[in-house]
Amino acid sequence: PVEEVVGLLERMRKEKRGVAARNV
């Protein structure tokens, strides 16, 4: 679903910026 895609993208950016653990 689009909502899950948005969540995936936001998680990817947080991990890229180093503000979240690398899970995705």
mmCIF file of all heavy atoms, coordinates in Angstrom:
data_MODEL
# 
_entry.id   MODEL 
# 
loop_
_atom_site.group_PDB 
_atom_site.id 
_atom_site.type_symbol 
_atom_site.label_atom_id 
_atom_site.label_alt_id 
_atom_site.label_comp_id 
_atom_site.label_asym_id 
_atom_site.label_entity_id 
_atom_site.label_seq_id 
_atom_site.pdbx_PDB_ins_code 
_atom_site.Cartn_x 
_atom_site.Cartn_y 
_atom_site.Cartn_z 
_atom_site.occupancy 
_atom_site.B_iso_or_equiv 
_atom_site.pdbx_formal_charge 
_atom_site.auth_seq_id 
_atom_site.auth_comp_id 
_atom_site.auth_asym_id 
_atom_site.auth_atom_id 
_atom_site.pdbx_PDB_model_num 
ATOM 1   N N   . PRO A 1 1  ? 0.839  -1.201 0.000  1.00 0.00 ? 1  PRO A N   1 
ATOM 2   C CA  . PRO A 1 1  ? 0.000  0.000  0.000  1.00 0.00 ? 1  PRO A CA  1 
ATOM 3   C C   . PRO A 1 1  ? 0.874  1.251  0.000  1.00 0.00 ? 1  PRO A C   1 
ATOM 4   O O   . PRO A 1 1  ? 2.020  1.209  0.485  1.00 0.00 ? 1  PRO A O   1 
ATOM 5   C CB  . PRO A 1 1  ? -0.791 -0.108 1.311  1.00 0.00 ? 1  PRO A CB  1 
ATOM 6   C CG  . PRO A 1 1  ? -0.699 -1.543 1.711  1.00 0.00 ? 1  PRO A CG  1 
ATOM 7   C CD  . PRO A 1 1  ? 0.611  -2.046 1.193  1.00 0.00 ? 1  PRO A CD  1 
ATOM 8   N N   . VAL A 1 2  ? 0.342  2.339  -0.512 1.00 0.00 ? 2  VAL A N   1 
ATOM 9   C CA  . VAL A 1 2  ? 1.101  3.590  -0.588 1.00 0.00 ? 2  VAL A CA  1 
ATOM 10  C C   . VAL A 1 2  ? 1.602  4.012  0.791  1.00 0.00 ? 2  VAL A C   1 
ATOM 11  O O   . VAL A 1 2  ? 2.734  4.492  0.938  1.00 0.00 ? 2  VAL A O   1 
ATOM 12  C CB  . VAL A 1 2  ? 0.237  4.708  -1.215 1.00 0.00 ? 2  VAL A CB  1 
ATOM 13  C CG1 . VAL A 1 2  ? 0.897  6.074  -1.035 1.00 0.00 ? 2  VAL A CG1 1 
ATOM 14  C CG2 . VAL A 1 2  ? 0.009  4.432  -2.695 1.00 0.00 ? 2  VAL A CG2 1 
ATOM 15  N N   . GLU A 1 3  ? 0.775  3.825  1.830  1.00 0.00 ? 3  GLU A N   1 
ATOM 16  C CA  . GLU A 1 3  ? 1.175  4.230  3.184  1.00 0.00 ? 3  GLU A CA  1 
ATOM 17  C C   . GLU A 1 3  ? 2.452  3.501  3.617  1.00 0.00 ? 3  GLU A C   1 
ATOM 18  O O   . GLU A 1 3  ? 3.333  4.093  4.253  1.00 0.00 ? 3  GLU A O   1 
ATOM 19  C CB  . GLU A 1 3  ? 0.053  3.948  4.193  1.00 0.00 ? 3  GLU A CB  1 
ATOM 20  C CG  . GLU A 1 3  ? -1.195 4.780  3.988  1.00 0.00 ? 3  GLU A CG  1 
ATOM 21  C CD  . GLU A 1 3  ? -2.060 4.292  2.829  1.00 0.00 ? 3  GLU A CD  1 
ATOM 22  O OE1 . GLU A 1 3  ? -1.812 3.162  2.325  1.00 0.00 ? 3  GLU A OE1 1 
ATOM 23  O OE2 . GLU A 1 3  ? -2.964 5.041  2.421  1.00 0.00 ? 3  GLU A OE2 1 
ATOM 24  N N   . GLU A 1 4  ? 2.554  2.208  3.275  1.00 0.00 ? 4  GLU A N   1 
ATOM 25  C CA  . GLU A 1 4  ? 3.753  1.441  3.640  1.00 0.00 ? 4  GLU A CA  1 
ATOM 26  C C   . GLU A 1 4  ? 4.963  1.887  2.819  1.00 0.00 ? 4  GLU A C   1 
ATOM 27  O O   . GLU A 1 4  ? 6.094  1.880  3.308  1.00 0.00 ? 4  GLU A O   1 
ATOM 28  C CB  . GLU A 1 4  ? 3.499  -0.058 3.459  1.00 0.00 ? 4  GLU A CB  1 
ATOM 29  C CG  . GLU A 1 4  ? 2.518  -0.635 4.463  1.00 0.00 ? 4  GLU A CG  1 
ATOM 30  C CD  . GLU A 1 4  ? 2.387  -2.143 4.352  1.00 0.00 ? 4  GLU A CD  1 
ATOM 31  O OE1 . GLU A 1 4  ? 3.319  -2.789 3.822  1.00 0.00 ? 4  GLU A OE1 1 
ATOM 32  O OE2 . GLU A 1 4  ? 1.354  -2.685 4.795  1.00 0.00 ? 4  GLU A OE2 1 
ATOM 33  N N   . VAL A 1 5  ? 4.729  2.272  1.572  1.00 0.00 ? 5  VAL A N   1 
ATOM 34  C CA  . VAL A 1 5  ? 5.816  2.775  0.730  1.00 0.00 ? 5  VAL A CA  1 
ATOM 35  C C   . VAL A 1 5  ? 6.367  4.066  1.332  1.00 0.00 ? 5  VAL A C   1 
ATOM 36  O O   . VAL A 1 5  ? 7.579  4.254  1.423  1.00 0.00 ? 5  VAL A O   1 
ATOM 37  C CB  . VAL A 1 5  ? 5.335  3.020  -0.714 1.00 0.00 ? 5  VAL A CB  1 
ATOM 38  C CG1 . VAL A 1 5  ? 6.419  3.734  -1.521 1.00 0.00 ? 5  VAL A CG1 1 
ATOM 39  C CG2 . VAL A 1 5  ? 4.964  1.703  -1.380 1.00 0.00 ? 5  VAL A CG2 1 
ATOM 40  N N   . VAL A 1 6  ? 5.475  4.961  1.771  1.00 0.00 ? 6  VAL A N   1 
ATOM 41  C CA  . VAL A 1 6  ? 5.897  6.213  2.404  1.00 0.00 ? 6  VAL A CA  1 
ATOM 42  C C   . VAL A 1 6  ? 6.721  5.911  3.650  1.00 0.00 ? 6  VAL A C   1 
ATOM 43  O O   . VAL A 1 6  ? 7.778  6.511  3.885  1.00 0.00 ? 6  VAL A O   1 
ATOM 44  C CB  . VAL A 1 6  ? 4.682  7.091  2.758  1.00 0.00 ? 6  VAL A CB  1 
ATOM 45  C CG1 . VAL A 1 6  ? 5.102  8.279  3.622  1.00 0.00 ? 6  VAL A CG1 1 
ATOM 46  C CG2 . VAL A 1 6  ? 3.997  7.585  1.491  1.00 0.00 ? 6  VAL A CG2 1 
ATOM 47  N N   . GLY A 1 7  ? 6.252  4.965  4.460  1.00 0.00 ? 7  GLY A N   1 
ATOM 48  C CA  . GLY A 1 7  ? 6.990  4.584  5.662  1.00 0.00 ? 7  GLY A CA  1 
ATOM 49  C C   . GLY A 1 7  ? 8.369  4.036  5.338  1.00 0.00 ? 7  GLY A C   1 
ATOM 50  O O   . GLY A 1 7  ? 9.358  4.342  6.024  1.00 0.00 ? 7  GLY A O   1 
ATOM 51  N N   . LEU A 1 8  ? 8.465  3.223  4.280  1.00 0.00 ? 8  LEU A N   1 
ATOM 52  C CA  . LEU A 1 8  ? 9.751  2.667  3.862  1.00 0.00 ? 8  LEU A CA  1 
ATOM 53  C C   . LEU A 1 8  ? 10.705 3.784  3.439  1.00 0.00 ? 8  LEU A C   1 
ATOM 54  O O   . LEU A 1 8  ? 11.878 3.799  3.840  1.00 0.00 ? 8  LEU A O   1 
ATOM 55  C CB  . LEU A 1 8  ? 9.531  1.689  2.702  1.00 0.00 ? 8  LEU A CB  1 
ATOM 56  C CG  . LEU A 1 8  ? 10.798 1.150  2.017  1.00 0.00 ? 8  LEU A CG  1 
ATOM 57  C CD1 . LEU A 1 8  ? 11.627 0.314  2.990  1.00 0.00 ? 8  LEU A CD1 1 
ATOM 58  C CD2 . LEU A 1 8  ? 10.419 0.323  0.785  1.00 0.00 ? 8  LEU A CD2 1 
ATOM 59  N N   . LEU A 1 9  ? 10.224 4.721  2.657  1.00 0.00 ? 9  LEU A N   1 
ATOM 60  C CA  . LEU A 1 9  ? 11.065 5.827  2.190  1.00 0.00 ? 9  LEU A CA  1 
ATOM 61  C C   . LEU A 1 9  ? 11.567 6.673  3.361  1.00 0.00 ? 9  LEU A C   1 
ATOM 62  O O   . LEU A 1 9  ? 12.743 7.057  3.412  1.00 0.00 ? 9  LEU A O   1 
ATOM 63  C CB  . LEU A 1 9  ? 10.277 6.699  1.215  1.00 0.00 ? 9  LEU A CB  1 
ATOM 64  C CG  . LEU A 1 9  ? 10.028 6.107  -0.173 1.00 0.00 ? 9  LEU A CG  1 
ATOM 65  C CD1 . LEU A 1 9  ? 8.956  6.915  -0.902 1.00 0.00 ? 9  LEU A CD1 1 
ATOM 66  C CD2 . LEU A 1 9  ? 11.306 6.084  -0.988 1.00 0.00 ? 9  LEU A CD2 1 
ATOM 67  N N   . GLU A 1 10 ? 10.674 6.974  4.296  1.00 0.00 ? 10 GLU A N   1 
ATOM 68  C CA  . GLU A 1 10 ? 11.073 7.791  5.444  1.00 0.00 ? 10 GLU A CA  1 
ATOM 69  C C   . GLU A 1 10 ? 12.082 7.051  6.306  1.00 0.00 ? 10 GLU A C   1 
ATOM 70  O O   . GLU A 1 10 ? 13.026 7.656  6.834  1.00 0.00 ? 10 GLU A O   1 
ATOM 71  C CB  . GLU A 1 10 ? 9.840  8.180  6.257  1.00 0.00 ? 10 GLU A CB  1 
ATOM 72  C CG  . GLU A 1 10 ? 8.945  9.179  5.514  1.00 0.00 ? 10 GLU A CG  1 
ATOM 73  C CD  . GLU A 1 10 ? 7.663  9.495  6.252  1.00 0.00 ? 10 GLU A CD  1 
ATOM 74  O OE1 . GLU A 1 10 ? 7.254  8.671  7.111  1.00 0.00 ? 10 GLU A OE1 1 
ATOM 75  O OE2 . GLU A 1 10 ? 7.054  10.557 5.987  1.00 0.00 ? 10 GLU A OE2 1 
ATOM 76  N N   . ARG A 1 11 ? 11.889 5.743  6.439  1.00 0.00 ? 11 ARG A N   1 
ATOM 77  C CA  . ARG A 1 11 ? 12.847 4.949  7.215  1.00 0.00 ? 11 ARG A CA  1 
ATOM 78  C C   . ARG A 1 11 ? 14.216 4.918  6.530  1.00 0.00 ? 11 ARG A C   1 
ATOM 79  O O   . ARG A 1 11 ? 15.262 5.049  7.185  1.00 0.00 ? 11 ARG A O   1 
ATOM 80  C CB  . ARG A 1 11 ? 12.310 3.513  7.357  1.00 0.00 ? 11 ARG A CB  1 
ATOM 81  C CG  . ARG A 1 11 ? 13.211 2.585  8.164  1.00 0.00 ? 11 ARG A CG  1 
ATOM 82  C CD  . ARG A 1 11 ? 13.166 2.911  9.636  1.00 0.00 ? 11 ARG A CD  1 
ATOM 83  N NE  . ARG A 1 11 ? 14.154 2.150  10.378 1.00 0.00 ? 11 ARG A NE  1 
ATOM 84  C CZ  . ARG A 1 11 ? 14.306 2.227  11.688 1.00 0.00 ? 11 ARG A CZ  1 
ATOM 85  N NH1 . ARG A 1 11 ? 13.525 3.012  12.395 1.00 0.00 ? 11 ARG A NH1 1 
ATOM 86  N NH2 . ARG A 1 11 ? 15.238 1.527  12.305 1.00 0.00 ? 11 ARG A NH2 1 
ATOM 87  N N   . MET A 1 12 ? 14.220 4.789  5.197  1.00 0.00 ? 12 MET A N   1 
ATOM 88  C CA  . MET A 1 12 ? 15.477 4.785  4.443  1.00 0.00 ? 12 MET A CA  1 
ATOM 89  C C   . MET A 1 12 ? 16.246 6.085  4.650  1.00 0.00 ? 12 MET A C   1 
ATOM 90  O O   . MET A 1 12 ? 17.456 6.086  4.822  1.00 0.00 ? 12 MET A O   1 
ATOM 91  C CB  . MET A 1 12 ? 15.194 4.573  2.951  1.00 0.00 ? 12 MET A CB  1 
ATOM 92  C CG  . MET A 1 12 ? 14.790 3.159  2.584  1.00 0.00 ? 12 MET A CG  1 
ATOM 93  S SD  . MET A 1 12 ? 14.246 3.025  0.847  1.00 0.00 ? 12 MET A SD  1 
ATOM 94  C CE  . MET A 1 12 ? 15.761 3.471  -0.031 1.00 0.00 ? 12 MET A CE  1 
ATOM 95  N N   . ARG A 1 13 ? 15.513 7.209  4.650  1.00 0.00 ? 13 ARG A N   1 
ATOM 96  C CA  . ARG A 1 13 ? 16.187 8.500  4.817  1.00 0.00 ? 13 ARG A CA  1 
ATOM 97  C C   . ARG A 1 13 ? 16.744 8.653  6.231  1.00 0.00 ? 13 ARG A C   1 
ATOM 98  O O   . ARG A 1 13 ? 17.862 9.165  6.428  1.00 0.00 ? 13 ARG A O   1 
ATOM 99  C CB  . ARG A 1 13 ? 15.228 9.639  4.509  1.00 0.00 ? 13 ARG A CB  1 
ATOM 100 C CG  . ARG A 1 13 ? 15.915 11.010 4.594  1.00 0.00 ? 13 ARG A CG  1 
ATOM 101 C CD  . ARG A 1 13 ? 15.131 12.093 3.889  1.00 0.00 ? 13 ARG A CD  1 
ATOM 102 N NE  . ARG A 1 13 ? 15.899 13.332 3.874  1.00 0.00 ? 13 ARG A NE  1 
ATOM 103 C CZ  . ARG A 1 13 ? 15.653 14.385 4.644  1.00 0.00 ? 13 ARG A CZ  1 
ATOM 104 N NH1 . ARG A 1 13 ? 14.651 14.348 5.503  1.00 0.00 ? 13 ARG A NH1 1 
ATOM 105 N NH2 . ARG A 1 13 ? 16.374 15.474 4.559  1.00 0.00 ? 13 ARG A NH2 1 
ATOM 106 N N   . LYS A 1 14 ? 15.988 8.206  7.236  1.00 0.00 ? 14 LYS A N   1 
ATOM 107 C CA  . LYS A 1 14 ? 16.484 8.289  8.610  1.00 0.00 ? 14 LYS A CA  1 
ATOM 108 C C   . LYS A 1 14 ? 17.753 7.462  8.779  1.00 0.00 ? 14 LYS A C   1 
ATOM 109 O O   . LYS A 1 14 ? 18.705 7.889  9.435  1.00 0.00 ? 14 LYS A O   1 
ATOM 110 C CB  . LYS A 1 14 ? 15.403 7.807  9.586  1.00 0.00 ? 14 LYS A CB  1 
ATOM 111 C CG  . LYS A 1 14 ? 14.254 8.788  9.778  1.00 0.00 ? 14 LYS A CG  1 
ATOM 112 C CD  . LYS A 1 14 ? 13.220 8.237  10.743 1.00 0.00 ? 14 LYS A CD  1 
ATOM 113 C CE  . LYS A 1 14 ? 12.062 9.215  10.930 1.00 0.00 ? 14 LYS A CE  1 
ATOM 114 N NZ  . LYS A 1 14 ? 11.022 8.658  11.826 1.00 0.00 ? 14 LYS A NZ  1 
ATOM 115 N N   . GLU A 1 15 ? 17.768 6.282  8.172  1.00 0.00 ? 15 GLU A N   1 
ATOM 116 C CA  . GLU A 1 15 ? 18.953 5.435  8.274  1.00 0.00 ? 15 GLU A CA  1 
ATOM 117 C C   . GLU A 1 15 ? 20.125 6.050  7.519  1.00 0.00 ? 15 GLU A C   1 
ATOM 118 O O   . GLU A 1 15 ? 21.268 5.973  7.970  1.00 0.00 ? 15 GLU A O   1 
ATOM 119 C CB  . GLU A 1 15 ? 18.632 4.035  7.743  1.00 0.00 ? 15 GLU A CB  1 
ATOM 120 C CG  . GLU A 1 15 ? 17.646 3.276  8.624  1.00 0.00 ? 15 GLU A CG  1 
ATOM 121 C CD  . GLU A 1 15 ? 17.378 1.861  8.141  1.00 0.00 ? 15 GLU A CD  1 
ATOM 122 O OE1 . GLU A 1 15 ? 18.124 1.359  7.284  1.00 0.00 ? 15 GLU A OE1 1 
ATOM 123 O OE2 . GLU A 1 15 ? 16.399 1.257  8.622  1.00 0.00 ? 15 GLU A OE2 1 
ATOM 124 N N   . LYS A 1 16 ? 19.831 6.667  6.377  1.00 0.00 ? 16 LYS A N   1 
ATOM 125 C CA  . LYS A 1 16 ? 20.877 7.314  5.591  1.00 0.00 ? 16 LYS A CA  1 
ATOM 126 C C   . LYS A 1 16 ? 21.507 8.455  6.378  1.00 0.00 ? 16 LYS A C   1 
ATOM 127 O O   . LYS A 1 16 ? 22.721 8.698  6.302  1.00 0.00 ? 16 LYS A O   1 
ATOM 128 C CB  . LYS A 1 16 ? 20.271 7.847  4.295  1.00 0.00 ? 16 LYS A CB  1 
ATOM 129 C CG  . LYS A 1 16 ? 21.257 8.538  3.373  1.00 0.00 ? 16 LYS A CG  1 
ATOM 130 C CD  . LYS A 1 16 ? 21.822 7.590  2.352  1.00 0.00 ? 16 LYS A CD  1 
ATOM 131 C CE  . LYS A 1 16 ? 22.683 8.332  1.355  1.00 0.00 ? 16 LYS A CE  1 
ATOM 132 N NZ  . LYS A 1 16 ? 23.141 7.474  0.266  1.00 0.00 ? 16 LYS A NZ  1 
ATOM 133 N N   . ARG A 1 17 ? 20.683 9.176  7.151  1.00 0.00 ? 17 ARG A N   1 
ATOM 134 C CA  . ARG A 1 17 ? 21.169 10.309 7.945  1.00 0.00 ? 17 ARG A CA  1 
ATOM 135 C C   . ARG A 1 17 ? 21.766 9.859  9.275  1.00 0.00 ? 17 ARG A C   1 
ATOM 136 O O   . ARG A 1 17 ? 22.284 10.674 10.034 1.00 0.00 ? 17 ARG A O   1 
ATOM 137 C CB  . ARG A 1 17 ? 20.020 11.287 8.206  1.00 0.00 ? 17 ARG A CB  1 
ATOM 138 C CG  . ARG A 1 17 ? 19.494 11.956 6.952  1.00 0.00 ? 17 ARG A CG  1 
ATOM 139 C CD  . ARG A 1 17 ? 18.199 12.683 7.225  1.00 0.00 ? 17 ARG A CD  1 
ATOM 140 N NE  . ARG A 1 17 ? 18.366 13.731 8.222  1.00 0.00 ? 17 ARG A NE  1 
ATOM 141 C CZ  . ARG A 1 17 ? 17.384 14.276 8.920  1.00 0.00 ? 17 ARG A CZ  1 
ATOM 142 N NH1 . ARG A 1 17 ? 16.146 13.845 8.740  1.00 0.00 ? 17 ARG A NH1 1 
ATOM 143 N NH2 . ARG A 1 17 ? 17.622 15.230 9.788  1.00 0.00 ? 17 ARG A NH2 1 
ATOM 144 N N   . GLY A 1 18 ? 21.665 8.572  9.583  1.00 0.00 ? 18 GLY A N   1 
ATOM 145 C CA  . GLY A 1 18 ? 22.239 8.045  10.810 1.00 0.00 ? 18 GLY A CA  1 
ATOM 146 C C   . GLY A 1 18 ? 21.426 8.307  12.052 1.00 0.00 ? 18 GLY A C   1 
ATOM 147 O O   . GLY A 1 18 ? 21.953 8.240  13.168 1.00 0.00 ? 18 GLY A O   1 
ATOM 148 N N   . VAL A 1 19 ? 20.130 8.607  11.887 1.00 0.00 ? 19 VAL A N   1 
ATOM 149 C CA  . VAL A 1 19 ? 19.288 8.881  13.054 1.00 0.00 ? 19 VAL A CA  1 
ATOM 150 C C   . VAL A 1 19 ? 18.397 7.684  13.399 1.00 0.00 ? 19 VAL A C   1 
ATOM 151 O O   . VAL A 1 19 ? 17.522 7.788  14.251 1.00 0.00 ? 19 VAL A O   1 
ATOM 152 C CB  . VAL A 1 19 ? 18.417 10.139 12.829 1.00 0.00 ? 19 VAL A CB  1 
ATOM 153 C CG1 . VAL A 1 19 ? 19.288 11.360 12.688 1.00 0.00 ? 19 VAL A CG1 1 
ATOM 154 C CG2 . VAL A 1 19 ? 17.510 9.970  11.610 1.00 0.00 ? 19 VAL A CG2 1 
ATOM 155 N N   . ALA A 1 20 ? 18.613 6.567  12.722 1.00 0.00 ? 20 ALA A N   1 
ATOM 156 C CA  . ALA A 1 20 ? 17.865 5.340  13.028 1.00 0.00 ? 20 ALA A CA  1 
ATOM 157 C C   . ALA A 1 20 ? 18.755 4.149  12.722 1.00 0.00 ? 20 ALA A C   1 
ATOM 158 O O   . ALA A 1 20 ? 19.652 4.220  11.872 1.00 0.00 ? 20 ALA A O   1 
ATOM 159 C CB  . ALA A 1 20 ? 16.577 5.267  12.197 1.00 0.00 ? 20 ALA A CB  1 
ATOM 160 N N   . ALA A 1 21 ? 18.530 3.066  13.450 1.00 0.00 ? 21 ALA A N   1 
ATOM 161 C CA  . ALA A 1 21 ? 19.316 1.850  13.231 1.00 0.00 ? 21 ALA A CA  1 
ATOM 162 C C   . ALA A 1 21 ? 19.049 1.305  11.835 1.00 0.00 ? 21 ALA A C   1 
ATOM 163 O O   . ALA A 1 21 ? 17.957 1.441  11.289 1.00 0.00 ? 21 ALA A O   1 
ATOM 164 C CB  . ALA A 1 21 ? 18.938 0.800  14.280 1.00 0.00 ? 21 ALA A CB  1 
ATOM 165 N N   . ARG A 1 22 ? 20.067 0.680  11.236 1.00 0.00 ? 22 ARG A N   1 
ATOM 166 C CA  . ARG A 1 22 ? 19.950 0.178  9.869  1.00 0.00 ? 22 ARG A CA  1 
ATOM 167 C C   . ARG A 1 22 ? 19.177 -1.143 9.874  1.00 0.00 ? 22 ARG A C   1 
ATOM 168 O O   . ARG A 1 22 ? 19.715 -2.179 10.232 1.00 0.00 ? 22 ARG A O   1 
ATOM 169 C CB  . ARG A 1 22 ? 21.326 -0.010 9.243  1.00 0.00 ? 22 ARG A CB  1 
ATOM 170 C CG  . ARG A 1 22 ? 22.088 1.299  9.053  1.00 0.00 ? 22 ARG A CG  1 
ATOM 171 C CD  . ARG A 1 22 ? 23.493 1.056  8.496  1.00 0.00 ? 22 ARG A CD  1 
ATOM 172 N NE  . ARG A 1 22 ? 23.443 0.480  7.164  1.00 0.00 ? 22 ARG A NE  1 
ATOM 173 C CZ  . ARG A 1 22 ? 23.369 1.195  6.041  1.00 0.00 ? 22 ARG A CZ  1 
ATOM 174 N NH1 . ARG A 1 22 ? 23.297 2.517  6.114  1.00 0.00 ? 22 ARG A NH1 1 
ATOM 175 N NH2 . ARG A 1 22 ? 23.362 0.604  4.869  1.00 0.00 ? 22 ARG A NH2 1 
ATOM 176 N N   . ASN A 1 23 ? 17.914 -1.052 9.437  1.00 0.00 ? 23 ASN A N   1 
ATOM 177 C CA  . ASN A 1 23 ? 17.066 -2.235 9.350  1.00 0.00 ? 23 ASN A CA  1 
ATOM 178 C C   . ASN A 1 23 ? 16.579 -2.508 7.932  1.00 0.00 ? 23 ASN A C   1 
ATOM 179 O O   . ASN A 1 23 ? 16.356 -3.657 7.558  1.00 0.00 ? 23 ASN A O   1 
ATOM 180 C CB  . ASN A 1 23 ? 15.852 -2.092 10.275 1.00 0.00 ? 23 ASN A CB  1 
ATOM 181 C CG  . ASN A 1 23 ? 16.243 -2.113 11.744 1.00 0.00 ? 23 ASN A CG  1 
ATOM 182 O OD1 . ASN A 1 23 ? 17.110 -2.877 12.136 1.00 0.00 ? 23 ASN A OD1 1 
ATOM 183 N ND2 . ASN A 1 23 ? 15.613 -1.267 12.536 1.00 0.00 ? 23 ASN A ND2 1 
ATOM 184 N N   . VAL A 1 24 ? 16.401 -1.430 7.145  1.00 0.00 ? 24 VAL A N   1 
ATOM 185 C CA  . VAL A 1 24 ? 15.883 -1.621 5.781  1.00 0.00 ? 24 VAL A CA  1 
ATOM 186 C C   . VAL A 1 24 ? 16.916 -1.310 4.708  1.00 0.00 ? 24 VAL A C   1 
ATOM 187 O O   . VAL A 1 24 ? 16.804 -1.802 3.588  1.00 0.00 ? 24 VAL A O   1 
ATOM 188 C CB  . VAL A 1 24 ? 14.621 -0.762 5.548  1.00 0.00 ? 24 VAL A CB  1 
ATOM 189 C CG1 . VAL A 1 24 ? 13.514 -1.158 6.497  1.00 0.00 ? 24 VAL A CG1 1 
ATOM 190 C CG2 . VAL A 1 24 ? 14.919 0.725  5.663  1.00 0.00 ? 24 VAL A CG2 1 
# 
